[in-house]
Amino acid sequence: MESYSYVLAEHQTIQTERLILRPITLADARDIFEYASDEDNTKFVFDTHPDIDHTRKQIAEYFVAIPLGKYGITLAETGKLIGTIDLRIDTTAKSGCLGYALNKAFWGNGYMTEAGFALLDLSFNELELERVFSVHDVCNPASGKVMQRLGMTYEGTLRKSRLAKKVLVDDAYYSILKEEYIAK
């Protein structure tokens, strides 16, 4: 198996039926600010962005500085960026953590599930990971539904496991193993 970085570098852009997953640039600031400035979109994942300059700085620090495994989710038809999805790899455990955010204007269309399957394919078929997991605030069951649609199994809840917006929150953990994904 090639190095994880090499495989991710080869797969910086991924095409699905309706989406293009691609690297995020500063030119995406307006589309990201559109949802990152809305509390409905951010209340379970990150602090709401107060202005577009904050969004630009976040893009530079998180997406541009270390881009591998981090994707903008864009509509293939229009090129509009509607969200982000990323895969953080633990090389020792041969596992990945899937994280995502989607503009609420595009909720309920299956876009996140489609993007998630693209990264699961990459995880198990190209990166040869053994496990992919995802975590959601228990107050955000819609995110758990995405994980279930991806074939993930609920593993348990860690109480007061993460500080989110100055409050300790309970997180639900889901995962899927390579053999489970291949069997589906």
Protein backbone atom coordinates (compact mmCIF):
# COMPACT_ATOMS: atom_id res chain seq x y z
CA MET A 1 0.00 0.00 0.00
CA GLU A 2 1.28 3.44 -0.92
CA SER A 3 1.50 6.01 1.85
CA TYR A 4 -1.79 7.50 3.00
CA SER A 5 -0.65 10.97 1.95
CA TYR A 6 0.22 9.75 -1.53
CA VAL A 7 -3.17 8.07 -2.00
CA LEU A 8 -5.01 11.16 -0.73
CA ALA A 9 -2.90 13.35 -3.03
CA GLU A 10 -3.96 11.17 -5.97
CA HIS A 11 -7.62 11.57 -4.95
CA GLN A 12 -7.90 15.28 -4.28
CA THR A 13 -10.95 15.45 -6.53
CA ILE A 14 -13.70 12.82 -6.45
CA GLN A 15 -16.71 12.76 -8.77
CA THR A 16 -20.03 11.16 -7.80
CA GLU A 17 -23.35 11.09 -9.61
CA ARG A 18 -24.36 14.60 -8.51
CA LEU A 19 -21.33 15.97 -6.69
CA ILE A 20 -17.70 16.91 -7.08
CA LEU A 21 -15.58 16.67 -3.94
CA ARG A 22 -12.58 18.94 -4.36
CA PRO A 23 -10.00 20.96 -2.42
CA ILE A 24 -11.27 24.11 -0.75
CA THR A 25 -9.71 27.47 -1.63
CA LEU A 26 -10.12 31.03 -0.41
CA ALA A 27 -12.42 31.58 -3.41
CA ASP A 28 -14.98 29.39 -1.57
CA ALA A 29 -15.29 31.85 1.32
CA ARG A 30 -18.66 33.27 0.25
CA ASP A 31 -20.31 29.84 -0.11
CA ILE A 32 -18.88 28.63 3.20
CA PHE A 33 -19.82 31.85 5.00
CA GLU A 34 -23.38 31.40 3.72
CA TYR A 35 -23.83 28.42 6.03
CA ALA A 36 -21.05 28.98 8.59
CA SER A 37 -22.67 32.27 9.63
CA ASP A 38 -26.02 30.55 10.32
CA GLU A 39 -26.53 29.15 13.82
CA ASP A 40 -28.85 26.42 12.46
CA ASN A 41 -25.89 25.02 10.52
CA THR A 42 -23.22 25.45 13.16
CA LYS A 43 -24.86 24.80 16.52
CA PHE A 44 -23.54 21.24 16.80
CA VAL A 45 -20.21 21.50 15.01
CA PHE A 46 -18.31 24.78 15.32
CA ASP A 47 -18.61 28.41 16.38
CA THR A 48 -20.73 30.53 14.06
CA HIS A 49 -18.59 32.75 11.83
CA PRO A 50 -19.13 36.45 12.63
CA ASP A 51 -17.90 37.77 9.27
CA ILE A 52 -16.41 36.62 5.98
CA ASP A 53 -12.87 37.51 7.07
CA HIS A 54 -13.21 34.95 9.86
CA THR A 55 -14.31 32.40 7.26
CA ARG A 56 -11.29 33.18 5.07
CA LYS A 57 -8.95 32.70 8.04
CA GLN A 58 -10.60 29.38 8.93
CA ILE A 59 -10.25 28.21 5.33
CA ALA A 60 -6.55 29.16 5.29
CA GLU A 61 -5.80 27.54 8.65
CA TYR A 62 -7.82 24.34 8.31
CA PHE A 63 -8.39 23.55 4.64
CA VAL A 64 -5.51 25.21 2.76
CA ALA A 65 -2.65 24.67 5.24
CA ILE A 66 -3.21 20.90 5.40
CA PRO A 67 -5.57 20.00 2.52
CA LEU A 68 -5.28 16.23 2.14
CA GLY A 69 -8.46 14.38 3.09
CA LYS A 70 -10.51 17.60 3.22
CA TYR A 71 -13.07 18.32 0.52
CA GLY A 72 -15.53 20.94 -0.51
CA ILE A 73 -18.82 19.35 -1.56
CA THR A 74 -19.94 21.02 -4.78
CA LEU A 75 -22.94 20.43 -7.00
CA ALA A 76 -21.70 18.99 -10.30
CA GLU A 77 -24.34 20.92 -12.28
CA THR A 78 -23.62 24.39 -10.90
CA GLY A 79 -20.27 24.23 -9.10
CA LYS A 80 -21.83 25.70 -5.94
CA LEU A 81 -20.08 24.63 -2.76
CA ILE A 82 -22.76 23.33 -0.37
CA GLY A 83 -20.68 21.84 2.43
CA THR A 84 -17.49 20.13 3.51
CA ILE A 85 -16.46 16.61 4.36
CA ASP A 86 -13.17 15.34 5.69
CA LEU A 87 -11.41 12.13 6.59
CA ARG A 88 -8.82 12.27 9.38
CA ILE A 89 -6.62 9.18 9.38
CA ASP A 90 -5.02 7.39 12.32
CA THR A 91 -2.20 5.55 10.54
CA THR A 92 -1.39 3.34 13.54
CA ALA A 93 -4.95 2.02 13.90
CA LYS A 94 -5.63 2.01 10.13
CA SER A 95 -8.82 3.93 10.84
CA GLY A 96 -10.43 7.16 9.75
CA CYS A 97 -12.78 9.68 11.30
CA LEU A 98 -15.41 11.13 8.97
CA GLY A 99 -16.60 14.68 9.67
CA TYR A 100 -18.99 16.87 7.72
CA ALA A 101 -21.08 20.03 7.52
CA LEU A 102 -23.81 20.90 5.01
CA ASN A 103 -25.62 24.13 4.16
CA LYS A 104 -29.17 23.76 5.53
CA ALA A 105 -30.58 24.89 2.18
CA PHE A 106 -29.46 21.49 0.86
CA TRP A 107 -30.53 19.23 3.74
CA GLY A 108 -32.83 16.33 2.91
CA ASN A 109 -31.51 15.67 -0.60
CA GLY A 110 -29.11 12.82 0.17
CA TYR A 111 -26.03 14.89 -0.68
CA MET A 112 -24.17 14.12 2.54
CA THR A 113 -24.88 10.40 2.22
CA GLU A 114 -23.59 10.49 -1.38
CA ALA A 115 -20.42 12.33 -0.32
CA GLY A 116 -20.00 9.97 2.64
CA PHE A 117 -20.16 6.89 0.43
CA ALA A 118 -17.50 8.42 -1.83
CA LEU A 119 -15.15 8.76 1.15
CA LEU A 120 -15.98 5.28 2.42
CA ASP A 121 -15.06 3.91 -1.02
CA LEU A 122 -11.78 5.81 -0.84
CA SER A 123 -11.19 4.64 2.74
CA PHE A 124 -11.67 0.94 2.16
CA ASN A 125 -10.77 0.45 -1.51
CA GLU A 126 -7.83 2.83 -1.96
CA LEU A 127 -6.51 3.64 1.53
CA GLU A 128 -7.15 0.08 2.78
CA LEU A 129 -8.37 1.29 6.16
CA GLU A 130 -9.92 -1.25 8.53
CA ARG A 131 -12.46 1.04 10.21
CA VAL A 132 -14.14 4.41 9.67
CA PHE A 133 -16.03 6.11 12.46
CA SER A 134 -18.01 9.27 12.92
CA VAL A 135 -19.27 11.20 15.93
CA HIS A 136 -22.27 13.43 16.51
CA ASP A 137 -23.68 15.49 19.35
CA VAL A 138 -26.60 13.49 20.76
CA CYS A 139 -28.77 16.60 20.35
CA ASN A 140 -28.25 16.34 16.57
CA PRO A 141 -29.97 13.06 15.61
CA ALA A 142 -30.09 14.05 11.92
CA SER A 143 -26.33 13.57 11.75
CA GLY A 144 -26.77 10.11 13.24
CA LYS A 145 -29.27 9.30 10.47
CA VAL A 146 -26.57 10.07 7.89
CA MET A 147 -24.23 7.67 9.68
CA GLN A 148 -26.90 4.97 9.71
CA ARG A 149 -27.57 5.45 5.97
CA LEU A 150 -23.84 4.96 5.42
CA GLY A 151 -24.18 1.55 7.06
CA MET A 152 -22.47 2.54 10.28
CA THR A 153 -23.29 0.80 13.55
CA TYR A 154 -23.98 2.70 16.76
CA GLU A 155 -21.14 1.94 19.20
CA GLY A 156 -22.15 3.98 22.22
CA THR A 157 -22.28 7.42 23.76
CA LEU A 158 -19.47 9.18 25.56
CA ARG A 159 -20.93 11.50 28.16
CA LYS A 160 -19.55 15.03 28.44
CA SER A 161 -16.85 14.01 25.99
CA ARG A 162 -16.25 17.23 24.08
CA LEU A 163 -16.35 20.95 24.68
CA ALA A 164 -18.63 22.62 22.12
CA LYS A 165 -19.40 26.30 22.43
CA LYS A 166 -18.25 26.29 26.07
CA VAL A 167 -20.54 23.39 27.02
CA LEU A 168 -19.56 19.76 27.57
CA VAL A 169 -21.66 17.63 25.22
CA ASP A 170 -22.45 13.94 24.92
CA ASP A 171 -21.25 12.36 21.67
CA ALA A 172 -22.69 9.30 19.92
CA TYR A 173 -20.15 7.14 18.09
CA TYR A 174 -20.85 5.14 14.93
CA SER A 175 -18.49 3.05 12.81
CA ILE A 176 -18.26 0.70 9.89
CA LEU A 177 -15.60 -1.96 9.37
CA LYS A 178 -13.98 -2.78 6.04
CA GLU A 179 -15.55 -6.26 5.91
CA GLU A 180 -19.00 -4.82 6.65
CA TYR A 181 -18.67 -2.22 3.91
CA ILE A 182 -17.44 -4.71 1.32
CA ALA A 183 -20.28 -7.14 2.18
CA LYS A 184 -22.95 -4.50 1.40
